[in-house]
Amino acid sequence: METTNFDELSFGQIISDHMFVAEYKDGEWQDLRIEPYGPLQINPANATLHYGQSVFEGLKAYRNEAGEILVFRGDANQRRLNESAQRMCIPEVPEEIFMEGMRKLLEVDKDWIPKQAGCSLYIRPFIFAADDYLGIRPSNNYKFMILTSPVGNYYSKPVAVKVETQYARAVEGGTGAAKAAGNYAGSLFPARKAQKEGYDQLLWTDGKTHQYIEESGTMNVMFVIDGTLITAPISTGTILKGITRDSVLILAKEMGMPVEERFLTVSELEDALLSGRLEEAFGTGTAATVAFIRLINIHNKDYVLPEKAAGAFSDRVLKRLDDIKYGKVADDHGWIMKI
């Protein structure tokens, strides 16, 4: 830790000193412990290596001005982890194990939580199959772990995105709503193609027709058109139930912002760009928080978004979120857990 430069934190490159571990054996979670961070000994026949039975979460801890540790919406992450686990035939982690394991880990590694403005401690809970077996079936044994990592901003500047109309991230009936490891592996190839073309991320479209905007590779996505906030609904099961997404929608309604949870078509987005009706676009996510979009490529044509007006909604809602997370304003929603 002595050599860590907290003034220059890249996302996910530094891991804190300890990790929480729990084992699922004989039908129950047991052997709960905190141990030094280090390599795992994995059998080459481990089921996760071959069949990808793994889910994960991401949340953050912050320091307020008094130096207290605040965790944002950890209960929502715990519920979503279990929803993902159900979809992937993984046993659920009880709330008390998740919460107490995270609490004790943060107490042990509290000095890893950055004090610098805009920084936080990223928390990564995950579960993976632990059977050493090459047959295709749900594992009988699992490992639940929590790692932490001091981080700065995921995106240091506004991003350029490309609307993806060839490859699919998810389809109805698939695993799109689960935070499953394999979902991200499958997205890497088209995302890398876009990055080689000069774009930071993709805007995924629906897997059937490629006519409807769903989400971005690392975040949910929102658009302000004619003064209304528009974002894709989660009802189809193809979109991750973003906790930052949910928080922004709740705050938007409180701030008097008209909200529509509906699918925006690619042609509607292009028309809004051409007519100047698209006021702003941004992604929302735990890692990205609110990531401003500066350019959108549709059918190989780049559209540069207008300069944000003073008092733009994305700026106001980001400030509101940050004020809650860092304890600068009262938490009227029960979102903050104080360690």
Protein backbone atom coordinates (compact mmCIF):
# COMPACT_ATOMS: atom_id res chain seq x y z
CA MET A 1 0.00 0.00 0.00
CA GLU A 2 2.92 2.35 0.70
CA THR A 3 3.73 2.49 -3.02
CA THR A 4 0.16 3.16 -4.17
CA ASN A 5 -0.34 6.61 -5.69
CA PHE A 6 -3.89 7.50 -4.72
CA ASP A 7 -3.72 10.63 -6.87
CA GLU A 8 -3.42 8.55 -10.06
CA LEU A 9 -5.80 5.61 -9.79
CA SER A 10 -6.67 3.57 -12.87
CA PHE A 11 -9.80 1.46 -12.70
CA GLY A 12 -9.35 -2.09 -11.43
CA GLN A 13 -5.56 -2.31 -11.57
CA ILE A 14 -4.85 -2.22 -7.83
CA ILE A 15 -6.35 -4.77 -5.43
CA SER A 16 -6.52 -4.20 -1.68
CA ASP A 17 -4.70 -6.38 0.86
CA HIS A 18 -7.46 -8.82 1.84
CA MET A 19 -10.40 -10.78 0.42
CA PHE A 20 -13.53 -12.35 1.87
CA VAL A 21 -14.11 -16.03 1.07
CA ALA A 22 -17.00 -18.43 1.69
CA GLU A 23 -17.39 -22.03 0.50
CA TYR A 24 -20.61 -23.73 -0.58
CA LYS A 25 -20.44 -27.39 0.40
CA ASP A 26 -23.03 -30.01 1.38
CA GLY A 27 -25.85 -27.62 0.56
CA GLU A 28 -24.80 -24.63 2.67
CA TRP A 29 -22.39 -21.71 2.79
CA GLN A 30 -19.62 -22.30 5.32
CA ASP A 31 -16.00 -21.61 6.23
CA LEU A 32 -16.47 -17.84 6.12
CA ARG A 33 -13.16 -16.02 6.42
CA ILE A 34 -11.04 -13.02 5.51
CA GLU A 35 -7.60 -13.86 4.25
CA PRO A 36 -4.72 -12.05 2.53
CA TYR A 37 -5.32 -11.30 -1.13
CA GLY A 38 -3.47 -13.79 -3.29
CA PRO A 39 -3.68 -16.43 -6.05
CA LEU A 40 -6.16 -19.30 -5.95
CA GLN A 41 -5.21 -22.89 -6.59
CA ILE A 42 -7.54 -24.06 -9.37
CA ASN A 43 -7.79 -27.59 -10.75
CA PRO A 44 -7.59 -27.63 -14.59
CA ALA A 45 -10.90 -29.51 -14.59
CA ASN A 46 -12.66 -26.71 -12.65
CA ALA A 47 -16.19 -26.34 -14.01
CA THR A 48 -16.03 -22.55 -14.32
CA LEU A 49 -13.01 -22.74 -16.61
CA HIS A 50 -14.95 -24.94 -19.02
CA TYR A 51 -18.58 -23.83 -18.74
CA GLY A 52 -18.49 -20.31 -17.31
CA GLN A 53 -20.79 -20.80 -14.33
CA SER A 54 -19.96 -17.51 -12.66
CA VAL A 55 -21.74 -14.27 -11.69
CA PHE A 56 -20.49 -11.05 -10.15
CA GLU A 57 -21.47 -7.64 -8.84
CA GLY A 58 -19.95 -4.18 -8.53
CA LEU A 59 -20.57 -1.50 -5.92
CA LYS A 60 -18.59 1.23 -4.18
CA ALA A 61 -17.61 2.53 -0.76
CA TYR A 62 -16.92 6.24 -0.18
CA ARG A 63 -15.55 8.48 2.58
CA ASN A 64 -17.54 11.44 3.83
CA GLU A 65 -15.97 14.63 5.16
CA ALA A 66 -15.87 13.14 8.66
CA GLY A 67 -13.88 10.16 7.38
CA GLU A 68 -16.74 7.68 7.81
CA ILE A 69 -17.19 4.83 5.33
CA LEU A 70 -20.39 4.88 3.27
CA VAL A 71 -21.56 2.07 0.96
CA PHE A 72 -24.08 2.97 -1.75
CA ARG A 73 -27.06 0.63 -2.21
CA GLY A 74 -25.33 -2.58 -1.15
CA ASP A 75 -28.69 -4.24 -0.48
CA ALA A 76 -29.68 -3.76 -4.13
CA ASN A 77 -26.43 -5.37 -5.28
CA GLN A 78 -27.01 -8.31 -2.95
CA ARG A 79 -30.48 -8.89 -4.41
CA ARG A 80 -29.23 -8.59 -7.98
CA LEU A 81 -26.39 -11.02 -7.32
CA ASN A 82 -28.93 -13.60 -6.23
CA GLU A 83 -31.14 -12.92 -9.25
CA SER A 84 -28.13 -13.58 -11.47
CA ALA A 85 -27.28 -16.68 -9.43
CA GLN A 86 -30.79 -18.09 -9.90
CA ARG A 87 -30.52 -17.72 -13.67
CA MET A 88 -27.14 -19.50 -13.71
CA CYS A 89 -28.14 -22.37 -11.36
CA ILE A 90 -25.91 -21.03 -8.59
CA PRO A 91 -27.00 -21.13 -4.92
CA GLU A 92 -28.00 -17.76 -3.50
CA VAL A 93 -25.81 -16.01 -0.95
CA PRO A 94 -27.79 -15.08 2.19
CA GLU A 95 -28.01 -11.37 2.89
CA GLU A 96 -26.25 -11.68 6.25
CA ILE A 97 -23.23 -13.41 4.66
CA PHE A 98 -22.99 -10.85 1.87
CA MET A 99 -23.41 -7.82 4.11
CA GLU A 100 -21.34 -8.99 7.07
CA GLY A 101 -18.58 -10.29 4.83
CA MET A 102 -18.42 -6.95 3.03
CA ARG A 103 -18.56 -5.01 6.30
CA LYS A 104 -15.70 -6.94 7.92
CA LEU A 105 -13.59 -6.70 4.76
CA LEU A 106 -14.06 -2.92 4.63
CA GLU A 107 -13.15 -2.65 8.30
CA VAL A 108 -9.93 -4.59 7.73
CA ASP A 109 -8.96 -2.67 4.57
CA LYS A 110 -10.44 0.72 5.51
CA ASP A 111 -7.15 2.49 4.76
CA TRP A 112 -7.58 1.52 1.09
CA ILE A 113 -10.64 3.75 0.73
CA PRO A 114 -9.38 6.88 -1.06
CA LYS A 115 -9.75 10.29 0.54
CA GLN A 116 -9.34 12.12 -2.76
CA ALA A 117 -12.36 13.84 -4.29
CA GLY A 118 -14.08 11.75 -6.95
CA CYS A 119 -12.39 8.52 -5.89
CA SER A 120 -13.86 5.47 -4.17
CA LEU A 121 -13.26 1.84 -3.26
CA TYR A 122 -14.75 -0.49 -5.86
CA ILE A 123 -16.18 -3.67 -4.35
CA ARG A 124 -16.35 -6.85 -6.45
CA PRO A 125 -18.42 -9.75 -5.03
CA PHE A 126 -18.50 -12.87 -7.22
CA ILE A 127 -19.47 -16.54 -7.17
CA PHE A 128 -18.06 -19.34 -9.28
CA ALA A 129 -18.40 -23.11 -9.60
CA ALA A 130 -15.83 -25.13 -7.68
CA ASP A 131 -16.41 -28.70 -8.89
CA ASP A 132 -13.56 -30.45 -10.65
CA TYR A 133 -15.69 -32.21 -13.24
CA LEU A 134 -15.87 -32.10 -17.04
CA GLY A 135 -19.50 -33.11 -17.38
CA ILE A 136 -22.09 -30.44 -18.15
CA ARG A 137 -24.29 -29.91 -15.11
CA PRO A 138 -24.60 -27.35 -12.30
CA SER A 139 -21.74 -27.61 -9.87
CA ASN A 140 -22.30 -28.99 -6.39
CA ASN A 141 -19.67 -26.75 -4.82
CA TYR A 142 -19.09 -23.01 -5.15
CA LYS A 143 -16.88 -20.23 -3.88
CA PHE A 144 -18.14 -16.75 -2.98
CA MET A 145 -15.53 -14.03 -2.73
CA ILE A 146 -15.29 -10.26 -2.32
CA LEU A 147 -12.35 -8.19 -3.55
CA THR A 148 -11.87 -4.43 -3.28
CA SER A 149 -9.95 -1.96 -5.43
CA PRO A 150 -9.30 1.79 -5.00
CA VAL A 151 -10.43 3.55 -8.17
CA GLY A 152 -10.80 6.87 -9.90
CA ASN A 153 -13.12 7.58 -12.82
CA TYR A 154 -13.79 4.73 -15.27
CA TYR A 155 -14.01 7.21 -18.15
CA SER A 156 -11.81 10.27 -17.81
CA LYS A 157 -13.52 12.14 -20.65
CA PRO A 158 -16.78 12.04 -22.67
CA VAL A 159 -17.05 8.91 -24.78
CA ALA A 160 -17.66 8.09 -28.43
CA VAL A 161 -20.02 5.16 -29.08
CA LYS A 162 -21.05 3.13 -32.09
CA VAL A 163 -24.50 1.65 -32.64
CA GLU A 164 -23.98 -2.11 -33.14
CA THR A 165 -26.32 -3.67 -35.73
CA GLN A 166 -24.52 -6.93 -36.57
CA TYR A 167 -23.62 -8.65 -33.31
CA ALA A 168 -26.02 -9.24 -30.40
CA ARG A 169 -25.35 -8.99 -26.69
CA ALA A 170 -28.61 -10.61 -25.55
CA VAL A 171 -31.98 -11.91 -26.74
CA GLU A 172 -35.26 -12.48 -24.96
CA GLY A 173 -35.06 -15.71 -22.99
CA GLY A 174 -31.28 -15.43 -22.70
CA THR A 175 -29.05 -14.25 -19.87
CA GLY A 176 -28.97 -10.53 -20.65
CA ALA A 177 -30.45 -9.51 -17.30
CA ALA A 178 -27.91 -11.60 -15.37
CA LYS A 179 -24.51 -10.22 -14.47
CA ALA A 180 -22.92 -13.38 -15.76
CA ALA A 181 -19.26 -13.60 -16.73
CA GLY A 182 -20.01 -15.13 -20.12
CA ASN A 183 -22.12 -12.15 -21.19
CA TYR A 184 -19.04 -9.96 -21.04
CA ALA A 185 -16.78 -12.46 -22.77
CA GLY A 186 -19.17 -12.60 -25.72
CA SER A 187 -19.18 -8.82 -26.06
CA LEU A 188 -15.40 -8.40 -26.28
CA PHE A 189 -14.94 -9.14 -29.98
CA PRO A 190 -17.40 -6.57 -31.38
CA ALA A 191 -16.32 -4.04 -28.75
CA ARG A 192 -12.69 -4.46 -29.76
CA LYS A 193 -13.61 -3.96 -33.42
CA ALA A 194 -15.32 -0.69 -32.52
CA GLN A 195 -12.34 0.43 -30.42
CA LYS A 196 -9.99 -0.18 -33.35
CA GLU A 197 -12.23 2.15 -35.35
CA GLY A 198 -11.83 4.86 -32.73
CA TYR A 199 -14.91 4.38 -30.53
CA ASP A 200 -14.89 3.82 -26.79
CA GLN A 201 -17.94 1.57 -26.56
CA LEU A 202 -20.92 0.11 -28.37
CA LEU A 203 -24.59 0.90 -28.16
CA TRP A 204 -26.15 -2.56 -28.34
CA THR A 205 -29.38 -3.03 -30.25
CA ASP A 206 -31.95 -5.79 -29.82
CA GLY A 207 -30.81 -9.21 -31.02
CA LYS A 208 -33.84 -9.87 -33.24
CA THR A 209 -34.20 -6.80 -35.45
CA HIS A 210 -31.35 -4.46 -34.43
CA GLN A 211 -33.89 -1.64 -34.56
CA TYR A 212 -34.03 -0.75 -30.85
CA ILE A 213 -31.34 0.70 -28.60
CA GLU A 214 -30.81 -1.45 -25.49
CA GLU A 215 -27.67 -0.57 -23.49
CA SER A 216 -23.97 0.08 -23.77
CA GLY A 217 -21.18 -2.39 -23.09
CA THR A 218 -20.36 -1.10 -19.60
CA MET A 219 -23.50 0.80 -18.67
CA ASN A 220 -27.17 1.47 -19.24
CA VAL A 221 -27.78 4.38 -21.60
CA MET A 222 -30.11 7.38 -21.41
CA PHE A 223 -31.12 10.12 -23.84
CA VAL A 224 -32.71 13.53 -23.33
CA ILE A 225 -34.93 14.33 -26.33
CA ASP A 226 -37.28 17.32 -26.33
CA GLY A 227 -36.79 17.69 -22.58
CA THR A 228 -37.74 14.08 -21.78
CA LEU A 229 -35.41 11.44 -20.34
CA ILE A 230 -35.69 8.20 -22.34
CA THR A 231 -34.14 4.84 -21.43
CA ALA A 232 -34.85 1.24 -22.39
CA PRO A 233 -37.14 -0.78 -20.10
CA ILE A 234 -35.86 -3.81 -18.19
CA SER A 235 -39.04 -5.83 -18.76
CA THR A 236 -37.70 -7.88 -21.70
CA GLY A 237 -34.94 -9.50 -19.65
CA THR A 238 -32.29 -8.41 -22.17
CA ILE A 239 -30.98 -5.46 -20.17
CA LEU A 240 -29.09 -5.40 -16.89
CA LYS A 241 -31.12 -3.95 -14.02
CA GLY A 242 -28.67 -1.16 -13.39
CA ILE A 243 -28.66 0.17 -9.84
CA THR A 244 -27.29 3.54 -10.96
CA ARG A 245 -29.94 3.49 -13.69
CA ASP A 246 -32.65 2.97 -11.09
CA SER A 247 -31.19 5.69 -8.86
CA VAL A 248 -31.09 8.20 -11.72
CA LEU A 249 -34.70 7.47 -12.66
CA ILE A 250 -35.84 7.93 -9.06
CA LEU A 251 -33.96 11.22 -8.76
CA ALA A 252 -35.16 12.39 -12.19
CA LYS A 253 -38.78 12.06 -11.15
CA GLU A 254 -38.06 13.91 -7.90
CA MET A 255 -36.36 16.67 -9.90
CA GLY A 256 -39.42 17.08 -12.12
CA MET A 257 -37.80 15.55 -15.20
CA PRO A 258 -40.27 13.77 -17.54
CA VAL A 259 -39.23 10.10 -17.84
CA GLU A 260 -40.10 7.48 -20.45
CA GLU A 261 -38.96 3.89 -20.03
CA ARG A 262 -39.33 2.69 -23.59
CA PHE A 263 -37.22 1.46 -26.46
CA LEU A 264 -35.76 4.18 -28.64
CA THR A 265 -35.39 3.06 -32.25
CA VAL A 266 -32.16 3.61 -34.12
CA SER A 267 -34.03 5.65 -36.73
CA GLU A 268 -35.64 7.79 -34.00
CA LEU A 269 -32.24 8.43 -32.46
CA GLU A 270 -30.78 9.37 -35.83
CA ASP A 271 -33.70 11.71 -36.53
CA ALA A 272 -33.25 13.38 -33.14
CA LEU A 273 -29.56 13.91 -33.91
CA LEU A 274 -30.28 15.35 -37.37
CA SER A 275 -33.02 17.65 -36.13
CA GLY A 276 -31.11 18.86 -33.08
CA ARG A 277 -33.74 17.49 -30.70
CA LEU A 278 -31.26 15.25 -28.89
CA GLU A 279 -30.06 17.45 -26.05
CA GLU A 280 -27.73 14.99 -24.34
CA ALA A 281 -26.90 11.30 -24.00
CA PHE A 282 -25.09 9.52 -21.20
CA GLY A 283 -24.40 6.12 -19.70
CA THR A 284 -25.10 5.10 -16.11
CA GLY A 285 -23.34 2.41 -14.10
CA THR A 286 -21.48 1.71 -10.88
CA ALA A 287 -18.09 1.96 -12.56
CA ALA A 288 -18.97 4.75 -15.00
CA THR A 289 -21.40 6.59 -12.65
CA VAL A 290 -22.65 9.09 -15.27
CA ALA A 291 -20.56 8.94 -18.45
CA PHE A 292 -21.23 11.70 -20.95
CA ILE A 293 -21.49 10.73 -24.64
CA ARG A 294 -19.94 13.15 -27.10
CA LEU A 295 -20.39 11.24 -30.38
CA ILE A 296 -22.65 8.52 -31.75
CA ASN A 297 -21.92 6.53 -34.90
CA ILE A 298 -24.99 5.21 -36.74
CA HIS A 299 -24.62 3.17 -39.94
CA ASN A 300 -21.00 4.34 -40.30
CA LYS A 301 -21.88 8.03 -39.94
CA ASP A 302 -20.58 10.04 -36.98
CA TYR A 303 -22.93 12.45 -35.21
CA VAL A 304 -21.35 14.89 -32.78
CA LEU A 305 -23.65 15.77 -29.91
CA PRO A 306 -24.33 19.42 -29.10
CA GLU A 307 -22.50 21.15 -26.30
CA LYS A 308 -24.34 20.61 -23.06
CA ALA A 309 -26.37 23.57 -21.94
CA ALA A 310 -25.72 25.15 -18.56
CA GLY A 311 -27.70 23.24 -15.97
CA ALA A 312 -27.95 20.10 -18.14
CA PHE A 313 -29.84 17.28 -16.47
CA SER A 314 -26.88 14.88 -16.55
CA ASP A 315 -24.73 17.38 -14.63
CA ARG A 316 -27.43 18.02 -12.06
CA VAL A 317 -28.25 14.36 -11.45
CA LEU A 318 -24.56 13.44 -11.22
CA LYS A 319 -24.06 16.10 -8.57
CA ARG A 320 -27.11 14.85 -6.69
CA LEU A 321 -25.83 11.27 -6.80
CA ASP A 322 -22.35 12.25 -5.66
CA ASP A 323 -23.73 14.38 -2.84
CA ILE A 324 -25.65 11.36 -1.55
CA LYS A 325 -22.76 8.93 -1.98
CA TYR A 326 -20.26 11.17 -0.20
CA GLY A 327 -22.71 12.08 2.58
CA LYS A 328 -22.96 15.77 1.65
CA VAL A 329 -26.77 15.73 1.74
CA ALA A 330 -29.33 13.76 3.69
CA ASP A 331 -30.04 10.25 2.40
CA ASP A 332 -33.82 10.31 2.05
CA HIS A 333 -33.96 6.94 0.27
CA GLY A 334 -32.14 4.60 2.65
CA TRP A 335 -29.43 4.06 0.07
CA ILE A 336 -26.40 4.51 2.33
CA MET A 337 -24.98 1.87 4.67
CA LYS A 338 -22.52 3.36 7.15
CA ILE A 339 -19.66 1.08 8.18
